[in-house]
Amino acid sequence: MTDKISAKIRPLEDRIVVEAVSEETKTVSGIIIPDTISKDKPQRGKVLAVGTGRIDNNGKHIPMEVKEGDIILFTKYGPTEVKVEGKALLILNQSDVLAVID
């Protein structure tokens, strides 16, 4: 399904298409609180598609540091939510990516 969606949407420049990965929280007593209960937006996701990079003020091409399939941490308020074939996706700039999780 990931390939089908990434074929439908192509990010431009330094933008990234991400599928949010839900994070379950576990309390000290062992109760699992699903992501749907949390009011915060997810901050972790899987990269589905990446743009070609951006051009700096001197005309130099700056390539993307993330690639398709990477699991990333991103800023909470950076992404724009979109729906593609009924699936909620996020589009964000590479500058909104905080880290790649290995």
Protein backbone atom coordinates (compact mmCIF):
# COMPACT_ATOMS: atom_id res chain seq x y z
CA MET A 1 0.00 0.00 0.00
CA THR A 2 2.89 2.36 0.68
CA ASP A 3 4.08 2.14 -2.95
CA LYS A 4 0.56 2.85 -4.24
CA ILE A 5 0.22 5.99 -2.12
CA SER A 6 3.71 7.29 -2.83
CA ALA A 7 2.96 6.93 -6.57
CA LYS A 8 -0.10 9.22 -6.12
CA ILE A 9 1.70 12.08 -4.36
CA ARG A 10 5.11 13.55 -5.20
CA PRO A 11 6.56 16.07 -2.76
CA LEU A 12 8.41 19.05 -4.20
CA GLU A 13 11.78 20.49 -3.22
CA ASP A 14 12.66 19.68 0.41
CA ARG A 15 9.25 18.33 1.40
CA ILE A 16 8.56 14.85 2.77
CA VAL A 17 5.39 12.73 2.82
CA VAL A 18 5.07 10.85 6.11
CA GLU A 19 2.68 8.30 7.52
CA ALA A 20 2.27 8.90 11.25
CA VAL A 21 3.28 5.99 13.47
CA SER A 22 1.13 5.72 16.56
CA GLU A 23 2.92 5.55 19.85
CA GLU A 24 1.31 3.77 22.75
CA THR A 25 2.14 5.12 26.17
CA LYS A 26 2.47 2.81 29.13
CA THR A 27 1.82 4.06 32.64
CA VAL A 28 3.97 3.06 35.60
CA SER A 29 1.29 0.55 36.64
CA GLY A 30 1.38 -1.07 33.17
CA ILE A 31 -1.80 0.38 31.68
CA ILE A 32 -1.38 1.05 27.96
CA ILE A 33 -2.80 4.34 26.73
CA PRO A 34 -3.29 4.21 22.94
CA ASP A 35 -2.29 7.13 20.73
CA THR A 36 -5.96 7.84 19.95
CA ILE A 37 -6.47 8.98 23.55
CA SER A 38 -3.56 11.41 23.44
CA LYS A 39 -4.45 14.94 22.38
CA ASP A 40 -0.95 15.59 21.04
CA LYS A 41 -0.19 15.02 17.38
CA PRO A 42 2.16 12.13 16.62
CA GLN A 43 5.79 13.08 16.40
CA ARG A 44 7.04 9.88 14.81
CA GLY A 45 6.44 8.66 11.29
CA LYS A 46 7.55 6.58 8.35
CA VAL A 47 8.79 8.44 5.27
CA LEU A 48 6.76 7.44 2.20
CA ALA A 49 8.18 9.88 -0.36
CA VAL A 50 10.79 12.64 -0.53
CA GLY A 51 11.35 15.61 -2.80
CA THR A 52 14.52 16.20 -4.80
CA GLY A 53 16.02 18.69 -2.34
CA ARG A 54 16.20 22.45 -2.41
CA ILE A 55 18.32 25.10 -4.10
CA ASP A 56 20.12 27.52 -1.77
CA ASN A 57 20.59 31.25 -2.37
CA ASN A 58 23.79 30.59 -4.35
CA GLY A 59 22.08 28.16 -6.75
CA LYS A 60 23.65 25.07 -5.14
CA HIS A 61 21.48 21.92 -4.89
CA ILE A 62 21.10 20.69 -1.31
CA PRO A 63 20.12 16.98 -1.36
CA MET A 64 17.69 15.34 1.05
CA GLU A 65 19.10 13.73 4.18
CA VAL A 66 16.15 11.37 4.69
CA LYS A 67 15.01 8.62 2.36
CA GLU A 68 11.90 6.54 1.80
CA GLY A 69 11.39 3.99 4.57
CA ASP A 70 13.17 6.02 7.28
CA ILE A 71 11.44 6.32 10.65
CA ILE A 72 11.75 9.93 11.77
CA LEU A 73 10.99 12.22 14.70
CA PHE A 74 9.54 15.57 13.66
CA THR A 75 8.34 18.80 15.23
CA LYS A 76 4.81 18.70 16.57
CA TYR A 77 3.44 21.72 14.73
CA GLY A 78 5.34 21.52 11.42
CA PRO A 79 3.30 19.05 9.33
CA THR A 80 0.34 19.73 7.08
CA GLU A 81 -2.28 16.97 7.15
CA VAL A 82 -3.64 15.66 3.84
CA LYS A 83 -5.77 12.71 2.76
CA VAL A 84 -4.75 10.50 -0.15
CA GLU A 85 -7.17 7.71 -1.05
CA GLY A 86 -8.75 8.05 2.40
CA LYS A 87 -5.43 7.67 4.24
CA ALA A 88 -4.25 10.50 6.50
CA LEU A 89 -0.72 11.59 5.61
CA LEU A 90 1.55 14.41 6.69
CA ILE A 91 3.64 16.71 4.50
CA LEU A 92 6.53 18.50 6.16
CA ASN A 93 9.73 20.27 5.29
CA GLN A 94 13.02 18.52 5.88
CA SER A 95 13.86 21.27 8.39
CA ASP A 96 10.97 19.96 10.56
CA VAL A 97 12.73 16.59 10.92
CA LEU A 98 14.52 16.33 14.25
CA ALA A 99 16.13 12.89 13.85
CA VAL A 100 16.17 9.60 11.97
CA ILE A 101 15.62 6.56 14.20
CA ASP A 102 17.91 3.62 13.39
